[in-house]
Structure formats: structure tokens, C-alpha cells
Amino acid sequence: MWTRSSCGGMALAIALAAGACGGDGGGGSPTSPSPSGGGGTSASATVNITTTAGSQSFNPNPATMATAGTVAWRNSDSTVHRIVANDGSFDTGDISPGATSQAVTVSGAGANYHCSIHPAMIGAIGAAQGQPPPPCTGQYCD
């Protein structure tokens, strides 16, 4: 028999389960967790996704950080994007329009990345102010 207290517990369990299913809810998290150990929502640099336009899709591009650290992507476009390092070292998961990805760790050398949904969208991160990003090689470079 259900009692008032067991119904309250059931409602709480349903709410917690719904939150664990990866819904964005406008809270700024990607719809999928970063499988490569995103560093949380606080990032040392944020890159805006502005449109689907090759290397002009990201601002700033290349992005720079003071030192090796974390980067997050803010989706200012009207479609879902998923940012992946060319070398596979990070993956933001899907980023819904208006959301910000979890912060991902970028090595001291910097990184080249692309949108796995729109592979012509490419970008780079230089790990230190004034230092260029690593040379881009492979299928995602123009």
C-alpha cells in the first residue's frame, strides 16, 4: 500500500532519475558527459560556436590560454554541435543551442579540434598567450 511518505519518495526518485538522463534543461551542461574527463563547468577559456562556417565557426579561433588548462564551448548557434579533439584527447558530448559544454582539459601543447557533426568546422587552441597552436594535420585541416 502506498502512503503519502512513499509517494513523496517516489516523486523524488523520479525527479533524480530524470535529471540523470542527460537532459540539458538550459543549465549549460552538454547532453552527454565528456568521456575524456571534462573538468566541470568552470573553464580557463571559453570559445563561442557562432555558425557552421569552417574555421570561422568559432570565436576566438585560435583560442589561447595563459597556461595549459580547461576550455569550454558556448553554443550560440541554432543547431547542436559536438566538439572533439583531432587526436581524440577530448570530446564535449552534444552541446545544445544556448548551452555551454563541460570544461575539458587541454595539454600544454594546445590542441586542434573539429565538430564531429559538422566536420568542416575546425578550430585550434594555443596553450599559452602568444604561442601558436600545434600544426594541424589530418583530414580535419584545411
N, C-alpha and C. Protein backbone atom coordinates (compact mmCIF):
# COMPACT_ATOMS: atom_id res chain seq x y z
N MET A 1 0.83 -1.18 0.00
CA MET A 1 0.00 0.00 0.00
C MET A 1 0.88 1.24 0.00
N TRP A 2 0.54 2.22 -0.86
CA TRP A 2 1.30 3.46 -0.95
C TRP A 2 0.84 4.42 0.13
N THR A 3 1.78 5.02 0.81
CA THR A 3 1.47 6.04 1.80
C THR A 3 1.94 7.37 1.28
N ARG A 4 1.53 8.43 1.92
CA ARG A 4 1.93 9.78 1.50
C ARG A 4 3.47 9.88 1.48
N SER A 5 4.16 9.33 2.48
CA SER A 5 5.61 9.44 2.53
C SER A 5 6.27 8.61 1.42
N SER A 6 5.70 7.45 1.07
CA SER A 6 6.31 6.67 -0.01
C SER A 6 6.08 7.33 -1.35
N CYS A 7 4.96 8.04 -1.52
CA CYS A 7 4.73 8.76 -2.78
C CYS A 7 5.71 9.90 -2.91
N GLY A 8 6.01 10.59 -1.81
CA GLY A 8 7.00 11.68 -1.87
C GLY A 8 8.37 11.15 -2.25
N GLY A 9 8.72 9.98 -1.68
CA GLY A 9 10.00 9.36 -2.02
C GLY A 9 10.03 8.94 -3.48
N MET A 10 8.90 8.43 -3.97
CA MET A 10 8.81 8.02 -5.37
C MET A 10 8.97 9.23 -6.28
N ALA A 11 8.34 10.36 -5.93
CA ALA A 11 8.46 11.57 -6.75
C ALA A 11 9.91 12.04 -6.79
N LEU A 12 10.58 11.99 -5.64
CA LEU A 12 11.99 12.37 -5.59
C LEU A 12 12.84 11.45 -6.45
N ALA A 13 12.60 10.16 -6.38
CA ALA A 13 13.35 9.19 -7.19
C ALA A 13 13.13 9.44 -8.67
N ILE A 14 11.91 9.74 -9.07
CA ILE A 14 11.62 10.03 -10.48
C ILE A 14 12.34 11.30 -10.91
N ALA A 15 12.32 12.34 -10.08
CA ALA A 15 12.99 13.60 -10.42
C ALA A 15 14.49 13.39 -10.56
N LEU A 16 15.09 12.62 -9.65
CA LEU A 16 16.52 12.36 -9.72
C LEU A 16 16.86 11.54 -10.96
N ALA A 17 16.03 10.55 -11.27
CA ALA A 17 16.28 9.72 -12.45
C ALA A 17 16.17 10.55 -13.72
N ALA A 18 15.19 11.45 -13.78
CA ALA A 18 15.02 12.30 -14.96
C ALA A 18 16.24 13.19 -15.14
N GLY A 19 16.77 13.74 -14.05
CA GLY A 19 17.96 14.58 -14.14
C GLY A 19 19.18 13.81 -14.57
N ALA A 20 19.25 12.53 -14.24
CA ALA A 20 20.41 11.72 -14.59
C ALA A 20 20.38 11.26 -16.04
N CYS A 21 19.28 11.50 -16.74
CA CYS A 21 19.16 11.04 -18.13
C CYS A 21 19.81 11.98 -19.11
N GLY A 22 20.46 13.04 -18.65
CA GLY A 22 21.22 13.90 -19.55
C GLY A 22 20.44 15.03 -20.14
N GLY A 23 19.26 15.35 -19.63
CA GLY A 23 18.52 16.49 -20.16
C GLY A 23 19.27 17.76 -19.90
N ASP A 24 19.26 18.69 -20.87
CA ASP A 24 20.01 19.92 -20.74
C ASP A 24 19.31 20.88 -19.80
N GLY A 25 18.01 21.09 -19.98
CA GLY A 25 17.26 21.95 -19.10
C GLY A 25 17.77 23.37 -19.05
N GLY A 26 18.59 23.79 -20.01
CA GLY A 26 19.09 25.15 -20.04
C GLY A 26 20.18 25.42 -19.02
N GLY A 27 20.65 24.41 -18.32
CA GLY A 27 21.63 24.60 -17.27
C GLY A 27 23.05 24.74 -17.77
N GLY A 28 23.30 24.59 -19.05
CA GLY A 28 24.62 24.81 -19.58
C GLY A 28 25.48 23.57 -19.67
N SER A 29 24.97 22.41 -19.36
CA SER A 29 25.75 21.19 -19.47
C SER A 29 25.51 20.54 -20.81
N PRO A 30 26.47 19.79 -21.33
CA PRO A 30 26.20 19.09 -22.57
C PRO A 30 25.17 17.99 -22.32
N THR A 31 24.53 17.53 -23.39
CA THR A 31 23.54 16.49 -23.22
C THR A 31 24.19 15.14 -22.99
N SER A 32 25.47 14.99 -23.24
CA SER A 32 26.21 13.77 -22.92
C SER A 32 27.43 14.18 -22.13
N PRO A 33 27.85 13.37 -21.18
CA PRO A 33 29.03 13.72 -20.41
C PRO A 33 30.29 13.62 -21.26
N SER A 34 31.30 14.35 -20.85
CA SER A 34 32.58 14.28 -21.55
C SER A 34 33.27 12.99 -21.19
N PRO A 35 33.45 12.07 -22.15
CA PRO A 35 34.06 10.80 -21.82
C PRO A 35 35.54 10.92 -21.50
N SER A 36 36.16 12.06 -21.79
CA SER A 36 37.58 12.17 -21.55
C SER A 36 37.89 13.01 -20.32
N GLY A 37 36.95 13.08 -19.39
CA GLY A 37 37.25 13.71 -18.12
C GLY A 37 37.14 15.21 -18.14
N GLY A 38 36.04 15.77 -18.59
CA GLY A 38 35.85 17.20 -18.57
C GLY A 38 36.06 17.73 -17.16
N GLY A 39 36.59 18.93 -17.06
CA GLY A 39 36.95 19.48 -15.77
C GLY A 39 35.84 20.24 -15.08
N GLY A 40 34.58 20.01 -15.38
CA GLY A 40 33.50 20.74 -14.75
C GLY A 40 33.07 21.91 -15.62
N THR A 41 32.21 22.79 -15.08
CA THR A 41 31.69 23.86 -15.91
C THR A 41 32.57 25.10 -15.88
N SER A 42 33.48 25.24 -14.93
CA SER A 42 34.36 26.39 -14.86
C SER A 42 35.56 26.14 -15.76
N ALA A 43 35.81 27.07 -16.68
CA ALA A 43 36.90 26.87 -17.64
C ALA A 43 37.83 28.07 -17.62
N SER A 44 39.11 27.84 -17.96
CA SER A 44 40.05 28.94 -18.05
C SER A 44 39.89 29.70 -19.37
N ALA A 45 39.21 29.11 -20.35
CA ALA A 45 38.90 29.79 -21.63
C ALA A 45 37.58 29.27 -22.15
N THR A 46 36.82 30.16 -22.80
CA THR A 46 35.55 29.77 -23.42
C THR A 46 35.58 30.18 -24.88
N VAL A 47 35.18 29.25 -25.75
CA VAL A 47 35.10 29.50 -27.19
C VAL A 47 33.63 29.52 -27.57
N ASN A 48 33.21 30.53 -28.31
CA ASN A 48 31.82 30.61 -28.77
C ASN A 48 31.69 29.91 -30.11
N ILE A 49 30.67 29.08 -30.24
CA ILE A 49 30.32 28.47 -31.52
C ILE A 49 29.31 29.42 -32.14
N THR A 50 29.65 30.03 -33.26
CA THR A 50 28.81 31.08 -33.82
C THR A 50 27.97 30.65 -35.01
N THR A 51 28.47 29.72 -35.80
CA THR A 51 27.76 29.29 -37.01
C THR A 51 28.45 28.07 -37.58
N THR A 52 27.92 27.51 -38.63
CA THR A 52 28.56 26.39 -39.32
C THR A 52 29.28 26.97 -40.54
N ALA A 53 30.52 27.42 -40.35
CA ALA A 53 31.25 28.11 -41.41
C ALA A 53 32.75 27.81 -41.35
N GLY A 54 33.12 26.54 -41.38
CA GLY A 54 34.54 26.17 -41.39
C GLY A 54 35.29 26.74 -40.20
N SER A 55 36.45 27.33 -40.45
CA SER A 55 37.26 27.87 -39.36
C SER A 55 36.68 29.17 -38.81
N GLN A 56 35.68 29.74 -39.48
CA GLN A 56 35.01 30.94 -38.97
C GLN A 56 33.88 30.59 -38.00
N SER A 57 33.72 29.32 -37.70
CA SER A 57 32.63 28.85 -36.83
C SER A 57 32.86 29.15 -35.36
N PHE A 58 34.10 29.40 -34.98
CA PHE A 58 34.46 29.56 -33.58
C PHE A 58 35.06 30.93 -33.32
N ASN A 59 34.79 31.49 -32.14
CA ASN A 59 35.33 32.78 -31.78
C ASN A 59 35.71 32.74 -30.29
N PRO A 60 36.99 32.94 -29.98
CA PRO A 60 38.10 33.19 -30.88
C PRO A 60 38.63 31.90 -31.51
N ASN A 61 39.29 32.05 -32.61
CA ASN A 61 39.92 30.93 -33.30
C ASN A 61 41.17 31.43 -34.00
N PRO A 62 42.36 31.04 -33.53
CA PRO A 62 42.60 30.13 -32.42
C PRO A 62 42.35 30.81 -31.08
N ALA A 63 41.96 30.01 -30.11
CA ALA A 63 41.81 30.48 -28.74
C ALA A 63 43.16 30.30 -28.04
N THR A 64 43.42 31.12 -27.03
CA THR A 64 44.64 30.95 -26.25
C THR A 64 44.31 30.93 -24.76
N MET A 65 45.14 30.26 -24.01
CA MET A 65 45.02 30.21 -22.56
C MET A 65 46.32 30.72 -21.97
N ALA A 66 46.28 31.16 -20.73
CA ALA A 66 47.50 31.64 -20.08
C ALA A 66 48.50 30.49 -19.92
N THR A 67 48.01 29.32 -19.57
CA THR A 67 48.81 28.10 -19.44
C THR A 67 47.93 26.94 -19.86
N ALA A 68 48.45 25.74 -19.78
CA ALA A 68 47.59 24.58 -20.05
C ALA A 68 46.44 24.62 -19.05
N GLY A 69 45.26 24.27 -19.50
CA GLY A 69 44.12 24.35 -18.60
C GLY A 69 42.88 23.76 -19.22
N THR A 70 41.76 24.40 -18.95
CA THR A 70 40.49 23.86 -19.42
C THR A 70 39.80 24.84 -20.37
N VAL A 71 39.02 24.26 -21.28
CA VAL A 71 38.28 25.05 -22.27
C VAL A 71 36.85 24.54 -22.29
N ALA A 72 35.91 25.45 -22.46
CA ALA A 72 34.50 25.10 -22.65
C ALA A 72 34.03 25.78 -23.93
N TRP A 73 33.00 25.23 -24.56
CA TRP A 73 32.42 25.80 -25.78
C TRP A 73 30.99 26.22 -25.49
N ARG A 74 30.66 27.46 -25.85
CA ARG A 74 29.30 28.00 -25.69
C ARG A 74 28.64 27.98 -27.05
N ASN A 75 27.53 27.26 -27.18
CA ASN A 75 26.84 27.12 -28.46
C ASN A 75 25.88 28.29 -28.67
N SER A 76 26.32 29.28 -29.44
CA SER A 76 25.50 30.44 -29.78
C SER A 76 24.80 30.24 -31.12
N ASP A 77 24.91 29.06 -31.69
CA ASP A 77 24.28 28.72 -32.97
C ASP A 77 22.89 28.12 -32.68
N SER A 78 22.15 27.85 -33.73
CA SER A 78 20.79 27.32 -33.57
C SER A 78 20.71 25.81 -33.79
N THR A 79 21.87 25.14 -33.85
CA THR A 79 21.89 23.69 -34.05
C THR A 79 22.85 23.03 -33.06
N VAL A 80 22.71 21.76 -32.85
CA VAL A 80 23.57 21.00 -31.93
C VAL A 80 24.96 20.83 -32.54
N HIS A 81 25.98 20.93 -31.70
CA HIS A 81 27.36 20.69 -32.11
C HIS A 81 28.02 19.76 -31.10
N ARG A 82 29.10 19.10 -31.51
CA ARG A 82 29.88 18.22 -30.63
C ARG A 82 31.34 18.44 -30.97
N ILE A 83 32.10 18.98 -30.05
CA ILE A 83 33.49 19.33 -30.28
C ILE A 83 34.39 18.18 -29.83
N VAL A 84 35.28 17.76 -30.73
CA VAL A 84 36.17 16.63 -30.49
C VAL A 84 37.59 17.03 -30.90
N ALA A 85 38.56 16.69 -30.06
CA ALA A 85 39.97 16.94 -30.41
C ALA A 85 40.34 16.05 -31.59
N ASN A 86 41.12 16.59 -32.51
CA ASN A 86 41.55 15.79 -33.67
C ASN A 86 42.30 14.54 -33.23
N ASP A 87 43.03 14.63 -32.11
CA ASP A 87 43.79 13.47 -31.64
C ASP A 87 42.97 12.59 -30.69
N GLY A 88 41.69 12.92 -30.48
CA GLY A 88 40.83 12.12 -29.62
C GLY A 88 41.00 12.37 -28.13
N SER A 89 41.77 13.37 -27.73
CA SER A 89 42.04 13.58 -26.31
C SER A 89 40.86 14.17 -25.54
N PHE A 90 39.89 14.77 -26.23
CA PHE A 90 38.68 15.23 -25.55
C PHE A 90 37.48 15.18 -26.48
N ASP A 91 36.30 15.13 -25.88
CA ASP A 91 35.02 15.08 -26.59
C ASP A 91 34.01 15.75 -25.66
N THR A 92 33.38 16.82 -26.11
CA THR A 92 32.46 17.56 -25.25
C THR A 92 31.11 16.90 -25.08
N GLY A 93 30.78 15.93 -25.92
CA GLY A 93 29.40 15.45 -25.97
C GLY A 93 28.59 16.49 -26.74
N ASP A 94 27.32 16.19 -27.00
CA ASP A 94 26.47 17.12 -27.75
C ASP A 94 26.25 18.39 -26.94
N ILE A 95 26.33 19.55 -27.61
CA ILE A 95 26.08 20.85 -26.98
C ILE A 95 24.85 21.44 -27.66
N SER A 96 23.76 21.54 -26.94
CA SER A 96 22.52 22.08 -27.47
C SER A 96 22.64 23.59 -27.69
N PRO A 97 21.81 24.16 -28.58
CA PRO A 97 21.81 25.62 -28.75
C PRO A 97 21.59 26.32 -27.42
N GLY A 98 22.41 27.33 -27.15
CA GLY A 98 22.32 28.08 -25.91
C GLY A 98 23.05 27.48 -24.74
N ALA A 99 23.55 26.26 -24.86
CA ALA A 99 24.23 25.58 -23.75
C ALA A 99 25.74 25.77 -23.84
N THR A 100 26.40 25.49 -22.73
CA THR A 100 27.86 25.51 -22.66
C THR A 100 28.32 24.12 -22.27
N SER A 101 29.37 23.64 -22.94
CA SER A 101 29.89 22.31 -22.65
C SER A 101 30.54 22.26 -21.29
N GLN A 102 30.75 21.06 -20.80
CA GLN A 102 31.62 20.86 -19.65
C GLN A 102 33.02 21.30 -20.08
N ALA A 103 33.80 21.79 -19.16
CA ALA A 103 35.18 22.16 -19.47
C ALA A 103 36.00 20.90 -19.70
N VAL A 104 36.85 20.93 -20.71
CA VAL A 104 37.75 19.82 -20.98
C VAL A 104 39.18 20.28 -20.80
N THR A 105 40.04 19.36 -20.41
CA THR A 105 41.45 19.68 -20.19
C THR A 105 42.21 19.64 -21.49
N VAL A 106 43.00 20.68 -21.72
CA VAL A 106 43.85 20.77 -22.91
C VAL A 106 45.29 20.71 -22.44
N SER A 107 46.10 19.90 -23.10
CA SER A 107 47.50 19.73 -22.70
C SER A 107 48.30 21.01 -22.92
N GLY A 108 49.49 21.04 -22.38
CA GLY A 108 50.38 22.18 -22.52
C GLY A 108 50.74 22.52 -23.95
N ALA A 109 50.58 21.58 -24.88
CA ALA A 109 50.92 21.83 -26.28
C ALA A 109 49.78 22.50 -27.04
N GLY A 110 48.59 22.58 -26.47
CA GLY A 110 47.44 23.10 -27.20
C GLY A 110 46.76 21.97 -27.96
N ALA A 111 45.80 22.31 -28.80
CA ALA A 111 45.05 21.26 -29.50
C ALA A 111 44.36 21.81 -30.74
N ASN A 112 44.10 20.92 -31.67
CA ASN A 112 43.27 21.20 -32.83
C ASN A 112 41.99 20.40 -32.64
N TYR A 113 40.85 20.95 -33.04
CA TYR A 113 39.58 20.28 -32.81
C TYR A 113 38.63 20.53 -33.99
N HIS A 114 37.53 19.79 -33.98
CA HIS A 114 36.50 19.93 -35.02
C HIS A 114 35.15 19.57 -34.42
N CYS A 115 34.09 19.87 -35.15
CA CYS A 115 32.75 19.44 -34.75
C CYS A 115 32.52 18.09 -35.42
N SER A 116 32.25 17.07 -34.63
CA SER A 116 32.07 15.74 -35.22
C SER A 116 30.77 15.64 -36.01
N ILE A 117 29.82 16.53 -35.77
CA ILE A 117 28.57 16.55 -36.51
C ILE A 117 28.74 17.30 -37.83
N HIS A 118 29.58 18.35 -37.82
CA HIS A 118 29.86 19.19 -39.00
C HIS A 118 31.38 19.24 -39.16
N PRO A 119 32.01 18.22 -39.74
CA PRO A 119 33.48 18.09 -39.76
C PRO A 119 34.23 19.24 -40.43
N ALA A 120 33.56 20.06 -41.23
CA ALA A 120 34.25 21.21 -41.83
C ALA A 120 34.51 22.31 -40.81
N MET A 121 33.83 22.25 -39.67
CA MET A 121 34.05 23.24 -38.61
C MET A 121 35.33 22.85 -37.86
N ILE A 122 36.35 23.69 -37.96
CA ILE A 122 37.64 23.38 -37.34
C ILE A 122 38.11 24.54 -36.48
N GLY A 123 38.89 24.21 -35.46
CA GLY A 123 39.43 25.23 -34.59
C GLY A 123 40.72 24.77 -33.94
N ALA A 124 41.34 25.70 -33.23
CA ALA A 124 42.61 25.41 -32.57
C ALA A 124 42.70 26.18 -31.26
N ILE A 125 43.52 25.63 -30.36
CA ILE A 125 43.79 26.25 -29.07
C ILE A 125 45.29 26.30 -28.89
N GLY A 126 45.83 27.49 -28.64
CA GLY A 126 47.23 27.64 -28.25
C GLY A 126 47.27 27.62 -26.74
N ALA A 127 48.17 26.85 -26.17
CA ALA A 127 48.16 26.63 -24.73
C ALA A 127 48.69 27.81 -23.93
N ALA A 128 49.44 28.71 -24.53
CA ALA A 128 49.97 29.84 -23.79
C ALA A 128 49.78 31.12 -24.61
N GLN A 129 49.52 32.23 -23.93
CA GLN A 129 49.33 33.51 -24.62
C GLN A 129 50.50 33.76 -25.56
N GLY A 130 50.18 34.08 -26.80
CA GLY A 130 51.21 34.38 -27.79
C GLY A 130 51.81 33.16 -28.46
N GLN A 131 51.53 31.97 -27.96
CA GLN A 131 52.07 30.76 -28.56
C GLN A 131 51.06 30.20 -29.56
N PRO A 132 51.52 29.85 -30.74
CA PRO A 132 50.58 29.30 -31.72
C PRO A 132 50.13 27.90 -31.32
N PRO A 133 48.95 27.50 -31.81
CA PRO A 133 48.52 26.12 -31.57
C PRO A 133 49.42 25.17 -32.33
N PRO A 134 49.38 23.90 -32.01
CA PRO A 134 50.21 22.94 -32.75
C PRO A 134 49.78 22.91 -34.21
N PRO A 135 50.67 22.51 -35.11
CA PRO A 135 50.29 22.43 -36.51
C PRO A 135 49.15 21.44 -36.70
N CYS A 136 48.21 21.79 -37.55
CA CYS A 136 47.07 20.92 -37.80
C CYS A 136 47.41 19.98 -38.95
N THR A 137 47.27 18.69 -38.69
CA THR A 137 47.49 17.69 -39.74
C THR A 137 46.31 16.76 -39.76
N GLY A 138 46.03 16.17 -40.89
CA GLY A 138 44.95 15.19 -40.98
C GLY A 138 43.75 15.70 -41.73
N GLN A 139 42.70 14.89 -41.72
CA GLN A 139 41.54 15.14 -42.55
C GLN A 139 40.71 16.35 -42.14
N TYR A 140 40.85 16.85 -40.90
CA TYR A 140 40.02 17.96 -40.46
C TYR A 140 40.66 19.33 -40.69
N CYS A 141 41.82 19.39 -41.27
CA CYS A 141 42.51 20.66 -41.51
C CYS A 141 42.21 21.15 -42.92
N ASP A 142 42.18 22.49 -43.09
CA ASP A 142 42.01 22.96 -44.48
C ASP A 142 43.31 23.29 -45.12
